[in-house]
Amino acid sequence: MASTPRPDFARVARLRGAEQGVLDEAARQGLIPEDIAHALTEPGVSDLLLFQGFAVVADLDALAGPSSGFVDVPRHLTDSEVPARVDVADTAQCAALYRRLLVGGTASEQAALINREVLCQLWPRRLAPQTVAEVWERRFAELTAP
């Protein structure tokens, strides 16, 4: 009977520490916004976010996506949860698209596909992981307004 190999947790910790050092240096050099770098180096951030990173638009007014109709989704953001074409009027589809854009979309994709008013309406659904949501809420206090 073969034994199950034990994970090398020390190696994982070293890799995470090295990645966090890279993020700190990138923020010092102005290559990544400081608030995103800080969020990614917090304890408990997921490996996916740490190694992938995420983007946030500079201004909520930049979010000029449609408030109705259909959105053609960039191929790299599609899968079984987010189809290639999303009906913004379908709350579940729209929320799934916005969630995907908040975590994996570029700032330009966010600006082109997310509608500011629709985002504010959907925000209470907790569209993004806590790390991402906190950065958005620190930048844009109106997302937390009642």
Protein backbone atom coordinates (compact mmCIF):
# COMPACT_ATOMS: atom_id res chain seq x y z
CA MET A 1 0.00 0.00 0.00
CA ALA A 2 1.47 3.34 -1.06
CA SER A 3 1.50 6.16 1.43
CA THR A 4 0.11 9.56 0.61
CA PRO A 5 2.85 12.16 0.26
CA ARG A 6 2.80 14.95 2.84
CA PRO A 7 2.49 18.49 1.54
CA ASP A 8 5.62 20.61 1.91
CA PHE A 9 4.07 23.45 3.89
CA ALA A 10 7.44 25.09 4.52
CA ARG A 11 8.00 25.37 0.77
CA VAL A 12 4.54 26.87 0.29
CA ALA A 13 5.25 29.42 3.04
CA ARG A 14 8.56 30.34 1.36
CA LEU A 15 6.83 30.82 -2.00
CA ARG A 16 4.11 32.99 -0.46
CA GLY A 17 6.73 35.05 1.37
CA ALA A 18 8.71 35.54 -1.83
CA GLU A 19 5.59 36.61 -3.73
CA GLN A 20 4.68 39.06 -0.98
CA GLY A 21 8.19 40.52 -1.16
CA VAL A 22 7.77 40.99 -4.92
CA LEU A 23 4.46 42.77 -4.34
CA ASP A 24 5.96 45.09 -1.73
CA GLU A 25 8.79 46.01 -4.10
CA ALA A 26 6.39 46.52 -7.02
CA ALA A 27 4.32 48.91 -4.88
CA ARG A 28 7.45 50.83 -3.85
CA GLN A 29 8.34 51.20 -7.53
CA GLY A 30 4.81 52.34 -8.42
CA LEU A 31 4.13 49.27 -10.57
CA ILE A 32 1.08 48.20 -8.56
CA PRO A 33 -1.24 50.37 -6.46
CA GLU A 34 -0.24 50.30 -2.79
CA ASP A 35 -3.75 49.42 -1.59
CA ILE A 36 -3.85 46.33 -3.81
CA ALA A 37 -0.32 45.27 -2.81
CA HIS A 38 -1.20 45.71 0.86
CA ALA A 39 -4.43 43.69 0.45
CA LEU A 40 -2.57 40.88 -1.29
CA THR A 41 -0.01 40.60 1.51
CA GLU A 42 -2.62 40.32 4.27
CA PRO A 43 -2.76 36.98 6.10
CA GLY A 44 -5.52 34.77 4.79
CA VAL A 45 -5.54 36.06 1.21
CA SER A 46 -6.19 33.20 -1.18
CA ASP A 47 -3.35 31.77 -3.24
CA LEU A 48 -5.35 32.55 -6.39
CA LEU A 49 -5.51 36.26 -5.56
CA LEU A 50 -1.93 36.39 -4.32
CA PHE A 51 -0.47 34.92 -7.50
CA GLN A 52 -3.02 36.35 -9.97
CA GLY A 53 -3.60 39.78 -8.44
CA PHE A 54 -6.61 41.90 -9.35
CA ALA A 55 -7.39 45.29 -10.81
CA VAL A 56 -9.63 48.14 -9.66
CA VAL A 57 -10.73 51.10 -11.77
CA ALA A 58 -9.43 54.48 -10.64
CA ASP A 59 -12.89 56.08 -10.55
CA LEU A 60 -16.42 54.67 -10.28
CA ASP A 61 -17.50 57.13 -12.97
CA ALA A 62 -15.25 55.20 -15.36
CA LEU A 63 -17.71 52.28 -15.16
CA ALA A 64 -19.60 52.88 -18.38
CA GLY A 65 -20.95 49.42 -19.12
CA PRO A 66 -24.50 48.92 -20.31
CA SER A 67 -27.40 49.03 -17.85
CA SER A 68 -29.57 46.87 -20.12
CA GLY A 69 -29.21 44.55 -23.06
CA PHE A 70 -26.47 42.04 -23.66
CA VAL A 71 -22.74 42.11 -22.95
CA ASP A 72 -20.20 40.18 -24.99
CA VAL A 73 -17.81 38.74 -22.42
CA PRO A 74 -14.07 38.49 -23.18
CA ARG A 75 -13.20 34.87 -23.81
CA HIS A 76 -10.72 34.57 -20.93
CA LEU A 77 -13.54 35.38 -18.48
CA THR A 78 -16.06 32.84 -19.76
CA ASP A 79 -16.83 29.35 -18.47
CA SER A 80 -19.85 27.36 -17.32
CA GLU A 81 -20.82 30.10 -14.83
CA VAL A 82 -20.27 33.10 -17.13
CA PRO A 83 -21.36 32.54 -20.72
CA ALA A 84 -19.95 34.38 -23.75
CA ARG A 85 -23.02 36.63 -23.81
CA VAL A 86 -24.69 37.92 -20.64
CA ASP A 87 -28.10 39.57 -20.31
CA VAL A 88 -27.63 42.47 -17.89
CA ALA A 89 -31.33 42.24 -16.96
CA ASP A 90 -30.77 38.71 -15.64
CA THR A 91 -29.60 39.50 -12.10
CA ALA A 92 -27.90 36.15 -11.55
CA GLN A 93 -25.99 36.29 -14.85
CA CYS A 94 -25.04 39.93 -14.31
CA ALA A 95 -23.84 39.25 -10.75
CA ALA A 96 -21.72 36.32 -11.98
CA LEU A 97 -20.20 38.50 -14.71
CA TYR A 98 -19.44 41.35 -12.30
CA ARG A 99 -17.92 38.90 -9.80
CA ARG A 100 -15.65 37.56 -12.54
CA LEU A 101 -14.68 41.07 -13.67
CA LEU A 102 -13.89 42.22 -10.11
CA VAL A 103 -11.55 39.29 -9.54
CA GLY A 104 -10.13 38.57 -13.00
CA GLY A 105 -10.86 41.52 -15.26
CA THR A 106 -8.54 44.35 -16.17
CA ALA A 107 -9.46 47.90 -15.22
CA SER A 108 -10.30 48.62 -18.87
CA GLU A 109 -12.57 45.55 -19.04
CA GLN A 110 -14.25 46.65 -15.81
CA ALA A 111 -14.79 50.15 -17.22
CA ALA A 112 -16.25 48.83 -20.47
CA LEU A 113 -18.51 46.11 -19.04
CA ILE A 114 -19.58 47.17 -15.54
CA ASN A 115 -22.30 49.77 -15.15
CA ARG A 116 -21.85 52.02 -12.11
CA GLU A 117 -25.52 52.04 -11.06
CA VAL A 118 -25.95 48.31 -11.60
CA LEU A 119 -22.79 47.63 -9.57
CA CYS A 120 -24.11 49.77 -6.68
CA GLN A 121 -27.42 47.85 -6.77
CA LEU A 122 -25.68 44.45 -6.80
CA TRP A 123 -22.89 45.32 -4.34
CA PRO A 124 -24.78 44.20 -1.19
CA ARG A 125 -24.76 40.64 -2.67
CA ARG A 126 -21.02 40.47 -1.87
CA LEU A 127 -19.86 40.12 -5.43
CA ALA A 128 -16.18 39.69 -4.64
CA PRO A 129 -13.95 37.94 -2.12
CA GLN A 130 -13.41 39.97 1.04
CA THR A 131 -9.90 41.06 0.03
CA VAL A 132 -11.12 42.49 -3.28
CA ALA A 133 -14.31 43.97 -1.80
CA GLU A 134 -12.36 45.80 0.91
CA VAL A 135 -10.14 47.54 -1.64
CA TRP A 136 -13.17 48.61 -3.69
CA GLU A 137 -14.95 49.86 -0.56
CA ARG A 138 -11.90 51.80 0.67
CA ARG A 139 -11.59 53.48 -2.72
CA PHE A 140 -15.31 54.05 -3.23
CA ALA A 141 -17.21 54.79 -0.01
CA GLU A 142 -20.48 55.07 -1.94
CA LEU A 143 -20.48 51.27 -2.28
CA THR A 144 -21.04 50.97 1.46
CA ALA A 145 -23.70 53.69 1.65
CA PRO A 146 -27.21 52.50 2.55
